[in-house]
Amino acid sequence: WESIDAHKTFENTPEFQPFLSKIMEKLVASDPTIFHVKFPAEYSGSDSPFTMPVTECLAGFFSPDYRQEEYNTQFSTFRAKAAEVPNSGAKGLIGGWSVQSHQHENLGEGVGGKLFAAFIGWPTVEAHMEFRKTEDFARIIPLLREGIKGMKVWHVAFQQYK
């Protein structure tokens, strides 16, 4: 979306309900959680994880007082080191902060914390699982995990809706 307001404007059009019904009926496996992530401008290139057969989706939950700049630096380092790994199969590592506040059981009841969402494209789920067994993974993964109070990870085979 160009902006959250553009998304909200679409939700108020007559086309939105048929669009949502079709998505829920044919494309979504469970009830969706909708949130907005701001990606830094440098991620607007053609190396997108969403064009790969499988996309690893990571949701990292942080306490409400966590300094985002600290994790931005960590994530940039993780991204650079991941790009140096030969033949991992991964493509298009991007990430950004959610605009909305999020809750996670590790933050405490009713505590709205921060969410950093990251996406990595893989040729298959198996390729990702095999990479997790490597020394390269063990070397760089602490950069992704440090500071996170809770994490959820899942794989999605994204499809383009027209």
Foldseek 3Di string as FASTA:
>chain_A
DVDVVVVVVCCPDPPNVVVVVCCVVPPDPDDDDDFDFDWPPVLPDPFALLVAQKKKKKKFWAAAPDDPVVLVVLVVVLVVLVVVDPPLQKIRKTKGKTPFFCDDVLRPPPGTTIIMMIMIHHNDVVSVVVSCPDPSVVVRVCSVHPRTSDMDIDMDRDDDDD
